[in-house]
Amino acid sequence: MNDTLLTIAGILAGIIVIVIVLALIAPKAYTIQRSIIINKPRQQVFDYIKYLRNQDHYSKWVMMDPNKRMTYTGTDGTEGYNAAWDSDIKQAGKGHQTLEKIVEGERVEIRVVFIKPFAGVADTYIATQTVTDDTTTVKWSFDSSMPFPMNAMLLFINMEKMLGNDMEESLNNLKRVLEK
């Protein structure tokens, strides 16, 4: 019996050491970026993306649950505007996003706070850049981190692919909506 307990304790200690070592070498932060060219003038594109409610028409994450409960605070398209969601669909979860900073005609910075199914914070921005008078590049960036020792999961989860694919789908939706 004692040998069995010692063996179990040794295995558990080994697992804990492995997780700690992995967490020490794993990155804590990650950034995912995607861009797309939209055949519309920069100001027209910017005037659309600066409103969080327009994400209902292009963001894969926002569109995931059309029956989610939404609460809005402030004036959309202005700094401080907050959109909170609560969904019965696990992948959509619960959280809120706030327009942190708007550089008119150029960039919208958004803080996203996730409450369920996992707690976390991400700082995102959507930026526009003129290519020609009638063509705009839209760049979407998503910056987040995982606390120690949970960051060890970043060694095994391809966040670039997982989030990047969703961002690409959302940007393609945005292009389709704006180029109608």
N, C-alpha and C. Protein backbone atom coordinates (compact mmCIF):
# COMPACT_ATOMS: atom_id res chain seq x y z
N MET A 1 0.82 -1.20 0.00
CA MET A 1 0.00 0.00 0.00
C MET A 1 0.87 1.26 0.00
N ASN A 2 1.92 1.28 0.85
CA ASN A 2 2.82 2.43 0.91
C ASN A 2 3.55 2.65 -0.40
N ASP A 3 3.97 1.55 -1.04
CA ASP A 3 4.65 1.66 -2.33
C ASP A 3 3.72 2.26 -3.39
N THR A 4 2.46 1.88 -3.36
CA THR A 4 1.47 2.41 -4.31
C THR A 4 1.28 3.90 -4.10
N LEU A 5 1.17 4.33 -2.84
CA LEU A 5 1.00 5.76 -2.55
C LEU A 5 2.24 6.54 -2.97
N LEU A 6 3.42 5.98 -2.71
CA LEU A 6 4.65 6.65 -3.13
C LEU A 6 4.74 6.76 -4.65
N THR A 7 4.33 5.72 -5.34
CA THR A 7 4.33 5.75 -6.81
C THR A 7 3.38 6.81 -7.33
N ILE A 8 2.18 6.86 -6.77
CA ILE A 8 1.19 7.87 -7.18
C ILE A 8 1.70 9.27 -6.88
N ALA A 9 2.27 9.47 -5.69
CA ALA A 9 2.82 10.78 -5.32
C ALA A 9 3.95 11.17 -6.27
N GLY A 10 4.80 10.21 -6.62
CA GLY A 10 5.90 10.48 -7.55
C GLY A 10 5.41 10.87 -8.93
N ILE A 11 4.38 10.17 -9.40
CA ILE A 11 3.80 10.50 -10.71
C ILE A 11 3.19 11.89 -10.70
N LEU A 12 2.44 12.19 -9.64
CA LEU A 12 1.82 13.53 -9.53
C LEU A 12 2.89 14.62 -9.46
N ALA A 13 3.93 14.39 -8.68
CA ALA A 13 5.02 15.38 -8.58
C ALA A 13 5.68 15.57 -9.94
N GLY A 14 5.88 14.47 -10.66
CA GLY A 14 6.47 14.56 -12.00
C GLY A 14 5.62 15.36 -12.95
N ILE A 15 4.31 15.14 -12.91
CA ILE A 15 3.38 15.89 -13.77
C ILE A 15 3.43 17.37 -13.43
N ILE A 16 3.45 17.69 -12.14
CA ILE A 16 3.50 19.10 -11.71
C ILE A 16 4.79 19.75 -12.19
N VAL A 17 5.91 19.05 -12.06
CA VAL A 17 7.19 19.59 -12.52
C VAL A 17 7.17 19.83 -14.03
N ILE A 18 6.62 18.88 -14.77
CA ILE A 18 6.54 19.02 -16.23
C ILE A 18 5.70 20.24 -16.61
N VAL A 19 4.54 20.41 -15.96
CA VAL A 19 3.67 21.56 -16.25
C VAL A 19 4.39 22.86 -15.93
N ILE A 20 5.09 22.91 -14.80
CA ILE A 20 5.81 24.14 -14.42
C ILE A 20 6.92 24.44 -15.43
N VAL A 21 7.67 23.43 -15.83
CA VAL A 21 8.74 23.65 -16.81
C VAL A 21 8.16 24.13 -18.14
N LEU A 22 7.08 23.48 -18.59
CA LEU A 22 6.44 23.91 -19.83
C LEU A 22 5.95 25.35 -19.73
N ALA A 23 5.36 25.71 -18.60
CA ALA A 23 4.85 27.07 -18.41
C ALA A 23 5.99 28.09 -18.39
N LEU A 24 7.15 27.68 -17.88
CA LEU A 24 8.30 28.59 -17.85
C LEU A 24 8.83 28.88 -19.25
N ILE A 25 8.75 27.90 -20.16
CA ILE A 25 9.29 28.10 -21.51
C ILE A 25 8.23 28.58 -22.50
N ALA A 26 6.96 28.44 -22.15
CA ALA A 26 5.87 28.83 -23.06
C ALA A 26 5.68 30.34 -23.07
N PRO A 27 5.26 30.89 -24.20
CA PRO A 27 4.94 32.32 -24.23
C PRO A 27 3.73 32.61 -23.35
N LYS A 28 3.68 33.80 -22.82
CA LYS A 28 2.52 34.20 -22.01
C LYS A 28 1.54 35.02 -22.85
N ALA A 29 2.06 35.70 -23.84
CA ALA A 29 1.23 36.58 -24.66
C ALA A 29 1.24 36.11 -26.10
N TYR A 30 0.20 36.49 -26.82
CA TYR A 30 0.13 36.18 -28.24
C TYR A 30 -0.60 37.29 -28.96
N THR A 31 -0.25 37.46 -30.22
CA THR A 31 -0.87 38.45 -31.09
C THR A 31 -1.26 37.76 -32.39
N ILE A 32 -2.51 37.96 -32.79
CA ILE A 32 -3.00 37.42 -34.05
C ILE A 32 -3.40 38.61 -34.91
N GLN A 33 -2.95 38.65 -36.15
CA GLN A 33 -3.30 39.74 -37.05
C GLN A 33 -3.73 39.20 -38.40
N ARG A 34 -4.72 39.86 -38.95
CA ARG A 34 -5.19 39.53 -40.30
C ARG A 34 -5.55 40.84 -41.00
N SER A 35 -5.51 40.81 -42.33
CA SER A 35 -5.90 42.01 -43.09
C SER A 35 -6.61 41.59 -44.37
N ILE A 36 -7.30 42.56 -44.93
CA ILE A 36 -8.03 42.33 -46.18
C ILE A 36 -8.11 43.66 -46.92
N ILE A 37 -8.23 43.58 -48.22
CA ILE A 37 -8.43 44.79 -49.04
C ILE A 37 -9.91 44.88 -49.39
N ILE A 38 -10.46 46.05 -49.13
CA ILE A 38 -11.88 46.31 -49.42
C ILE A 38 -11.96 47.41 -50.47
N ASN A 39 -12.76 47.18 -51.48
CA ASN A 39 -12.90 48.13 -52.58
C ASN A 39 -13.92 49.22 -52.25
N LYS A 40 -13.55 50.00 -51.26
CA LYS A 40 -14.33 51.17 -50.84
C LYS A 40 -13.34 52.20 -50.28
N PRO A 41 -13.70 53.48 -50.31
CA PRO A 41 -12.81 54.51 -49.75
C PRO A 41 -12.61 54.31 -48.24
N ARG A 42 -11.45 54.73 -47.78
CA ARG A 42 -11.07 54.56 -46.38
C ARG A 42 -12.10 55.11 -45.41
N GLN A 43 -12.56 56.33 -45.62
CA GLN A 43 -13.49 56.93 -44.67
C GLN A 43 -14.80 56.16 -44.60
N GLN A 44 -15.26 55.65 -45.73
CA GLN A 44 -16.50 54.87 -45.73
C GLN A 44 -16.33 53.58 -44.93
N VAL A 45 -15.19 52.94 -45.09
CA VAL A 45 -14.91 51.71 -44.33
C VAL A 45 -14.81 52.04 -42.84
N PHE A 46 -14.06 53.09 -42.52
CA PHE A 46 -13.90 53.46 -41.12
C PHE A 46 -15.23 53.82 -40.47
N ASP A 47 -16.05 54.57 -41.19
CA ASP A 47 -17.35 54.97 -40.64
C ASP A 47 -18.23 53.77 -40.33
N TYR A 48 -17.96 52.64 -40.93
CA TYR A 48 -18.72 51.42 -40.65
C TYR A 48 -18.13 50.66 -39.46
N ILE A 49 -16.81 50.49 -39.44
CA ILE A 49 -16.20 49.66 -38.40
C ILE A 49 -16.16 50.33 -37.03
N LYS A 50 -16.29 51.65 -36.97
CA LYS A 50 -16.20 52.29 -35.66
C LYS A 50 -17.45 52.05 -34.81
N TYR A 51 -18.49 51.52 -35.38
CA TYR A 51 -19.71 51.20 -34.63
C TYR A 51 -19.71 49.72 -34.25
N LEU A 52 -19.66 49.45 -32.94
CA LEU A 52 -19.64 48.05 -32.50
C LEU A 52 -20.88 47.28 -32.93
N ARG A 53 -22.01 47.95 -33.00
CA ARG A 53 -23.24 47.24 -33.39
C ARG A 53 -23.16 46.71 -34.83
N ASN A 54 -22.32 47.29 -35.65
CA ASN A 54 -22.16 46.77 -37.01
C ASN A 54 -21.48 45.41 -37.03
N GLN A 55 -20.83 45.02 -35.93
CA GLN A 55 -20.24 43.69 -35.86
C GLN A 55 -21.30 42.60 -35.97
N ASP A 56 -22.55 42.95 -35.70
CA ASP A 56 -23.66 41.99 -35.88
C ASP A 56 -23.72 41.47 -37.31
N HIS A 57 -23.13 42.21 -38.25
CA HIS A 57 -23.22 41.86 -39.67
C HIS A 57 -21.94 41.26 -40.25
N TYR A 58 -20.85 41.25 -39.44
CA TYR A 58 -19.62 40.70 -40.01
C TYR A 58 -18.79 39.85 -39.05
N SER A 59 -18.86 40.07 -37.76
CA SER A 59 -18.01 39.33 -36.83
C SER A 59 -18.55 37.93 -36.57
N LYS A 60 -17.73 36.94 -36.87
CA LYS A 60 -18.14 35.55 -36.64
C LYS A 60 -18.53 35.34 -35.19
N TRP A 61 -17.79 35.94 -34.28
CA TRP A 61 -18.03 35.73 -32.86
C TRP A 61 -19.36 36.36 -32.43
N VAL A 62 -19.62 37.56 -32.90
CA VAL A 62 -20.87 38.24 -32.54
C VAL A 62 -22.06 37.53 -33.18
N MET A 63 -21.87 37.03 -34.39
CA MET A 63 -22.97 36.38 -35.12
C MET A 63 -23.23 34.94 -34.65
N MET A 64 -22.38 34.41 -33.78
CA MET A 64 -22.48 33.02 -33.34
C MET A 64 -23.84 32.70 -32.71
N ASP A 65 -24.40 33.65 -31.96
CA ASP A 65 -25.68 33.42 -31.29
C ASP A 65 -26.60 34.62 -31.51
N PRO A 66 -27.50 34.52 -32.48
CA PRO A 66 -28.42 35.63 -32.73
C PRO A 66 -29.40 35.87 -31.57
N ASN A 67 -29.50 34.91 -30.65
CA ASN A 67 -30.43 35.04 -29.52
C ASN A 67 -29.75 35.46 -28.22
N LYS A 68 -28.47 35.86 -28.30
CA LYS A 68 -27.77 36.29 -27.08
C LYS A 68 -28.44 37.53 -26.50
N ARG A 69 -28.31 37.69 -25.21
CA ARG A 69 -28.85 38.87 -24.54
C ARG A 69 -27.78 39.96 -24.58
N MET A 70 -28.15 41.13 -25.06
CA MET A 70 -27.21 42.24 -25.21
C MET A 70 -27.62 43.41 -24.32
N THR A 71 -26.60 44.08 -23.78
CA THR A 71 -26.80 45.30 -23.01
C THR A 71 -25.81 46.33 -23.54
N TYR A 72 -26.30 47.52 -23.85
CA TYR A 72 -25.46 48.57 -24.41
C TYR A 72 -25.41 49.75 -23.45
N THR A 73 -24.21 50.34 -23.32
CA THR A 73 -24.04 51.51 -22.47
C THR A 73 -23.27 52.56 -23.25
N GLY A 74 -23.79 53.78 -23.30
CA GLY A 74 -23.11 54.85 -24.00
C GLY A 74 -23.62 55.02 -25.41
N THR A 75 -22.85 55.78 -26.19
CA THR A 75 -23.20 56.08 -27.57
C THR A 75 -22.26 55.32 -28.50
N ASP A 76 -22.83 54.44 -29.33
CA ASP A 76 -22.02 53.65 -30.25
C ASP A 76 -21.22 54.57 -31.17
N GLY A 77 -19.99 54.16 -31.45
CA GLY A 77 -19.12 54.96 -32.31
C GLY A 77 -18.35 56.02 -31.56
N THR A 78 -18.46 56.00 -30.21
CA THR A 78 -17.71 56.96 -29.40
C THR A 78 -16.94 56.21 -28.31
N GLU A 79 -15.85 56.82 -27.85
CA GLU A 79 -15.04 56.20 -26.81
C GLU A 79 -15.87 55.97 -25.55
N GLY A 80 -15.70 54.81 -24.95
CA GLY A 80 -16.42 54.45 -23.74
C GLY A 80 -17.66 53.61 -23.99
N TYR A 81 -18.10 53.53 -25.24
CA TYR A 81 -19.28 52.72 -25.55
C TYR A 81 -19.00 51.27 -25.19
N ASN A 82 -19.97 50.61 -24.57
CA ASN A 82 -19.81 49.24 -24.10
C ASN A 82 -20.95 48.37 -24.60
N ALA A 83 -20.60 47.22 -25.13
CA ALA A 83 -21.59 46.23 -25.56
C ALA A 83 -21.32 44.94 -24.79
N ALA A 84 -22.28 44.52 -23.96
CA ALA A 84 -22.13 43.30 -23.16
C ALA A 84 -23.03 42.22 -23.74
N TRP A 85 -22.55 40.98 -23.72
CA TRP A 85 -23.34 39.87 -24.23
C TRP A 85 -23.41 38.76 -23.19
N ASP A 86 -24.47 37.98 -23.28
CA ASP A 86 -24.64 36.80 -22.43
C ASP A 86 -25.37 35.76 -23.26
N SER A 87 -24.70 34.66 -23.54
CA SER A 87 -25.24 33.65 -24.43
C SER A 87 -25.40 32.31 -23.72
N ASP A 88 -26.38 31.56 -24.15
CA ASP A 88 -26.55 30.19 -23.65
C ASP A 88 -25.68 29.21 -24.43
N ILE A 89 -25.07 29.68 -25.51
CA ILE A 89 -24.16 28.85 -26.30
C ILE A 89 -22.76 28.98 -25.69
N LYS A 90 -22.18 27.85 -25.30
CA LYS A 90 -20.92 27.86 -24.57
C LYS A 90 -19.81 28.62 -25.30
N GLN A 91 -19.68 28.40 -26.62
CA GLN A 91 -18.60 29.06 -27.36
C GLN A 91 -18.75 30.58 -27.36
N ALA A 92 -19.97 31.07 -27.33
CA ALA A 92 -20.20 32.52 -27.32
C ALA A 92 -19.99 33.09 -25.92
N GLY A 93 -20.44 32.36 -24.90
CA GLY A 93 -20.18 32.73 -23.52
C GLY A 93 -20.78 34.05 -23.08
N LYS A 94 -20.03 34.73 -22.23
CA LYS A 94 -20.47 35.99 -21.63
C LYS A 94 -19.27 36.92 -21.55
N GLY A 95 -19.51 38.20 -21.76
CA GLY A 95 -18.44 39.18 -21.65
C GLY A 95 -18.90 40.54 -22.13
N HIS A 96 -17.96 41.41 -22.35
CA HIS A 96 -18.29 42.74 -22.88
C HIS A 96 -17.09 43.32 -23.62
N GLN A 97 -17.39 44.23 -24.53
CA GLN A 97 -16.33 44.93 -25.24
C GLN A 97 -16.59 46.43 -25.18
N THR A 98 -15.49 47.16 -25.06
CA THR A 98 -15.57 48.61 -24.88
C THR A 98 -14.71 49.31 -25.92
N LEU A 99 -15.27 50.34 -26.53
CA LEU A 99 -14.48 51.19 -27.44
C LEU A 99 -13.54 52.03 -26.57
N GLU A 100 -12.27 51.68 -26.56
CA GLU A 100 -11.29 52.36 -25.71
C GLU A 100 -10.77 53.65 -26.33
N LYS A 101 -10.48 53.59 -27.63
CA LYS A 101 -9.88 54.75 -28.30
C LYS A 101 -10.27 54.73 -29.76
N ILE A 102 -10.57 55.91 -30.27
CA ILE A 102 -10.87 56.05 -31.69
C ILE A 102 -9.95 57.13 -32.26
N VAL A 103 -9.17 56.76 -33.26
CA VAL A 103 -8.38 57.73 -34.02
C VAL A 103 -9.16 57.91 -35.31
N GLU A 104 -9.88 58.99 -35.40
CA GLU A 104 -10.85 59.21 -36.48
C GLU A 104 -10.24 58.95 -37.85
N GLY A 105 -10.93 58.11 -38.61
CA GLY A 105 -10.51 57.78 -39.96
C GLY A 105 -9.41 56.75 -40.06
N GLU A 106 -8.84 56.34 -38.90
CA GLU A 106 -7.67 55.46 -38.94
C GLU A 106 -7.82 54.16 -38.15
N ARG A 107 -8.26 54.27 -36.90
CA ARG A 107 -8.12 53.11 -36.01
C ARG A 107 -9.14 53.14 -34.89
N VAL A 108 -9.65 51.95 -34.56
CA VAL A 108 -10.56 51.76 -33.44
C VAL A 108 -9.92 50.74 -32.51
N GLU A 109 -9.74 51.11 -31.23
CA GLU A 109 -9.17 50.19 -30.25
C GLU A 109 -10.27 49.72 -29.32
N ILE A 110 -10.34 48.40 -29.13
CA ILE A 110 -11.42 47.78 -28.37
C ILE A 110 -10.83 46.86 -27.31
N ARG A 111 -11.32 46.96 -26.09
CA ARG A 111 -10.95 46.01 -25.04
C ARG A 111 -12.09 45.02 -24.90
N VAL A 112 -11.75 43.73 -24.99
CA VAL A 112 -12.74 42.67 -24.87
C VAL A 112 -12.47 41.92 -23.57
N VAL A 113 -13.49 41.83 -22.73
CA VAL A 113 -13.38 41.11 -21.46
C VAL A 113 -14.27 39.88 -21.55
N PHE A 114 -13.64 38.72 -21.42
CA PHE A 114 -14.38 37.46 -21.45
C PHE A 114 -14.64 37.01 -20.02
N ILE A 115 -15.87 36.62 -19.74
CA ILE A 115 -16.23 36.16 -18.41
C ILE A 115 -16.48 34.65 -18.41
N LYS A 116 -17.23 34.18 -19.39
CA LYS A 116 -17.53 32.75 -19.54
C LYS A 116 -17.32 32.36 -21.00
N PRO A 117 -16.93 31.18 -21.34
CA PRO A 117 -16.64 30.06 -20.45
C PRO A 117 -15.28 30.17 -19.77
N PHE A 118 -14.41 31.07 -20.26
CA PHE A 118 -13.11 31.29 -19.63
C PHE A 118 -12.91 32.78 -19.43
N ALA A 119 -12.32 33.15 -18.31
CA ALA A 119 -12.03 34.56 -18.04
C ALA A 119 -10.79 34.97 -18.83
N GLY A 120 -10.80 36.18 -19.32
CA GLY A 120 -9.65 36.69 -20.05
C GLY A 120 -9.91 38.09 -20.57
N VAL A 121 -8.84 38.72 -21.01
CA VAL A 121 -8.92 40.07 -21.56
C VAL A 121 -8.11 40.09 -22.85
N ALA A 122 -8.65 40.76 -23.85
CA ALA A 122 -7.93 40.94 -25.11
C ALA A 122 -8.02 42.41 -25.52
N ASP A 123 -6.94 42.92 -26.01
CA ASP A 123 -6.93 44.26 -26.59
C ASP A 123 -6.86 44.07 -28.10
N THR A 124 -7.83 44.64 -28.79
CA THR A 124 -7.90 44.49 -30.23
C THR A 124 -7.92 45.87 -30.88
N TYR A 125 -7.55 45.89 -32.13
CA TYR A 125 -7.77 47.10 -32.90
C TYR A 125 -8.12 46.72 -34.33
N ILE A 126 -8.87 47.60 -34.94
CA ILE A 126 -9.16 47.49 -36.37
C ILE A 126 -8.70 48.80 -36.98
N ALA A 127 -7.78 48.70 -37.94
CA ALA A 127 -7.19 49.90 -38.54
C ALA A 127 -7.46 49.91 -40.04
N THR A 128 -7.57 51.12 -40.57
CA THR A 128 -7.77 51.29 -42.01
C THR A 128 -6.58 52.04 -42.60
N GLN A 129 -6.22 51.67 -43.81
CA GLN A 129 -5.13 52.35 -44.51
C GLN A 129 -5.51 52.47 -45.98
N THR A 130 -5.34 53.66 -46.53
CA THR A 130 -5.66 53.90 -47.92
C THR A 130 -4.67 53.18 -48.83
N VAL A 131 -5.20 52.45 -49.81
CA VAL A 131 -4.38 51.85 -50.86
C VAL A 131 -4.48 52.75 -52.08
N THR A 132 -5.70 53.02 -52.52
CA THR A 132 -6.01 54.02 -53.55
C THR A 132 -7.22 54.78 -53.05
N ASP A 133 -7.69 55.76 -53.81
CA ASP A 133 -8.86 56.53 -53.38
C ASP A 133 -10.08 55.66 -53.12
N ASP A 134 -10.19 54.55 -53.83
CA ASP A 134 -11.36 53.67 -53.70
C ASP A 134 -11.03 52.29 -53.13
N THR A 135 -9.85 52.15 -52.54
CA THR A 135 -9.44 50.85 -52.00
C THR A 135 -8.78 51.05 -50.64
N THR A 136 -9.17 50.19 -49.68
CA THR A 136 -8.70 50.33 -48.31
C THR A 136 -8.23 48.98 -47.78
N THR A 137 -7.11 49.00 -47.07
CA THR A 137 -6.68 47.81 -46.33
C THR A 137 -7.24 47.92 -44.92
N VAL A 138 -7.88 46.85 -44.47
CA VAL A 138 -8.36 46.77 -43.09
C VAL A 138 -7.50 45.75 -42.37
N LYS A 139 -6.90 46.16 -41.27
CA LYS A 139 -6.06 45.27 -40.47
C LYS A 139 -6.72 45.09 -39.11
N TRP A 140 -6.85 43.83 -38.69
CA TRP A 140 -7.46 43.50 -37.40
C TRP A 140 -6.40 42.81 -36.56
N SER A 141 -6.18 43.29 -35.36
CA SER A 141 -5.18 42.71 -34.46
C SER A 141 -5.84 42.32 -33.15
N PHE A 142 -5.43 41.18 -32.60
CA PHE A 142 -5.99 40.63 -31.36
C PHE A 142 -4.81 40.28 -30.46
N ASP A 143 -4.66 40.98 -29.33
CA ASP A 143 -3.56 40.75 -28.39
C ASP A 143 -4.13 40.25 -27.07
N SER A 144 -3.60 39.14 -26.59
CA SER A 144 -4.06 38.61 -25.31
C SER A 144 -2.92 37.84 -24.65
N SER A 145 -3.19 37.32 -23.47
CA SER A 145 -2.19 36.54 -22.74
C SER A 145 -2.89 35.51 -21.87
N MET A 146 -2.09 34.57 -21.40
CA MET A 146 -2.59 33.56 -20.46
C MET A 146 -1.69 33.60 -19.23
N PRO A 147 -2.28 33.54 -18.05
CA PRO A 147 -1.47 33.58 -16.83
C PRO A 147 -0.69 32.28 -16.61
N PHE A 148 0.40 32.38 -15.88
CA PHE A 148 1.19 31.22 -15.48
C PHE A 148 0.36 30.40 -14.50
N PRO A 149 0.29 29.12 -14.57
CA PRO A 149 0.90 28.17 -15.48
C PRO A 149 0.00 27.78 -16.66
N MET A 150 -1.18 28.45 -16.78
CA MET A 150 -2.10 28.12 -17.86
C MET A 150 -1.47 28.37 -19.23
N ASN A 151 -0.47 29.26 -19.28
CA ASN A 151 0.18 29.57 -20.55
C ASN A 151 0.85 28.34 -21.17
N ALA A 152 1.07 27.28 -20.41
CA ALA A 152 1.64 26.05 -20.97
C ALA A 152 0.77 25.52 -22.10
N MET A 153 -0.53 25.80 -22.05
CA MET A 153 -1.44 25.34 -23.11
C MET A 153 -1.10 25.96 -24.46
N LEU A 154 -0.45 27.14 -24.46
CA LEU A 154 -0.10 27.79 -25.72
C LEU A 154 0.90 26.96 -26.53
N LEU A 155 1.59 26.03 -25.88
CA LEU A 155 2.49 25.14 -26.60
C LEU A 155 1.73 24.10 -27.42
N PHE A 156 0.47 23.87 -27.06
CA PHE A 156 -0.30 22.80 -27.68
C PHE A 156 -1.52 23.29 -28.46
N ILE A 157 -1.89 24.54 -28.26
CA ILE A 157 -3.04 25.12 -28.96
C ILE A 157 -2.52 26.10 -30.00
N ASN A 158 -2.94 25.95 -31.23
CA ASN A 158 -2.51 26.85 -32.29
C ASN A 158 -3.47 28.04 -32.35
N MET A 159 -3.20 29.04 -31.51
CA MET A 159 -4.07 30.22 -31.45
C MET A 159 -4.07 30.96 -32.79
N GLU A 160 -2.94 30.96 -33.46
CA GLU A 160 -2.83 31.63 -34.77
C GLU A 160 -3.87 31.06 -35.73
N LYS A 161 -3.96 29.75 -35.77
CA LYS A 161 -4.91 29.11 -36.68
C LYS A 161 -6.35 29.25 -36.16
N MET A 162 -6.54 28.98 -34.87
CA MET A 162 -7.88 28.98 -34.30
C MET A 162 -8.54 30.36 -34.40
N LEU A 163 -7.86 31.38 -33.89
CA LEU A 163 -8.42 32.73 -33.94
C LEU A 163 -8.26 33.37 -35.32
N GLY A 164 -7.14 33.08 -35.96
CA GLY A 164 -6.88 33.66 -37.28
C GLY A 164 -7.93 33.29 -38.30
N ASN A 165 -8.37 32.04 -38.30
CA ASN A 165 -9.42 31.62 -39.24
C ASN A 165 -10.72 32.37 -38.99
N ASP A 166 -11.06 32.57 -37.71
CA ASP A 166 -12.28 33.32 -37.38
C ASP A 166 -12.16 34.79 -37.81
N MET A 167 -10.96 35.36 -37.63
CA MET A 167 -10.75 36.74 -38.04
C MET A 167 -10.84 36.87 -39.56
N GLU A 168 -10.28 35.90 -40.29
CA GLU A 168 -10.36 35.93 -41.75
C GLU A 168 -11.81 35.84 -42.21
N GLU A 169 -12.57 34.95 -41.60
CA GLU A 169 -13.99 34.83 -41.96
C GLU A 169 -14.73 36.14 -41.68
N SER A 170 -14.43 36.76 -40.55
CA SER A 170 -15.08 38.02 -40.20
C SER A 170 -14.70 39.13 -41.19
N LEU A 171 -13.43 39.20 -41.56
CA LEU A 171 -13.00 40.22 -42.52
C LEU A 171 -13.62 39.98 -43.90
N ASN A 172 -13.75 38.73 -44.30
CA ASN A 172 -14.43 38.43 -45.56
C ASN A 172 -15.89 38.83 -45.51
N ASN A 173 -16.53 38.62 -44.35
CA ASN A 173 -17.92 39.08 -44.17
C ASN A 173 -17.99 40.61 -44.29
N LEU A 174 -17.02 41.30 -43.65
CA LEU A 174 -16.98 42.76 -43.71
C LEU A 174 -16.85 43.23 -45.16
N LYS A 175 -15.96 42.61 -45.90
CA LYS A 175 -15.76 42.95 -47.32
C LYS A 175 -17.06 42.77 -48.10
N ARG A 176 -17.72 41.64 -47.89
CA ARG A 176 -18.97 41.36 -48.59
C ARG A 176 -20.04 42.41 -48.26
N VAL A 177 -20.17 42.75 -46.98
CA VAL A 177 -21.17 43.75 -46.56
C VAL A 177 -20.88 45.11 -47.19
N LEU A 178 -19.63 45.54 -47.12
CA LEU A 178 -19.29 46.89 -47.60
C LEU A 178 -19.25 47.01 -49.12
N GLU A 179 -18.97 45.93 -49.81
CA GLU A 179 -18.88 46.00 -51.27
C GLU A 179 -20.20 45.70 -51.97
N LYS A 180 -21.28 45.54 -51.23
CA LYS A 180 -22.60 45.30 -51.84
C LYS A 180 -22.96 46.42 -52.77
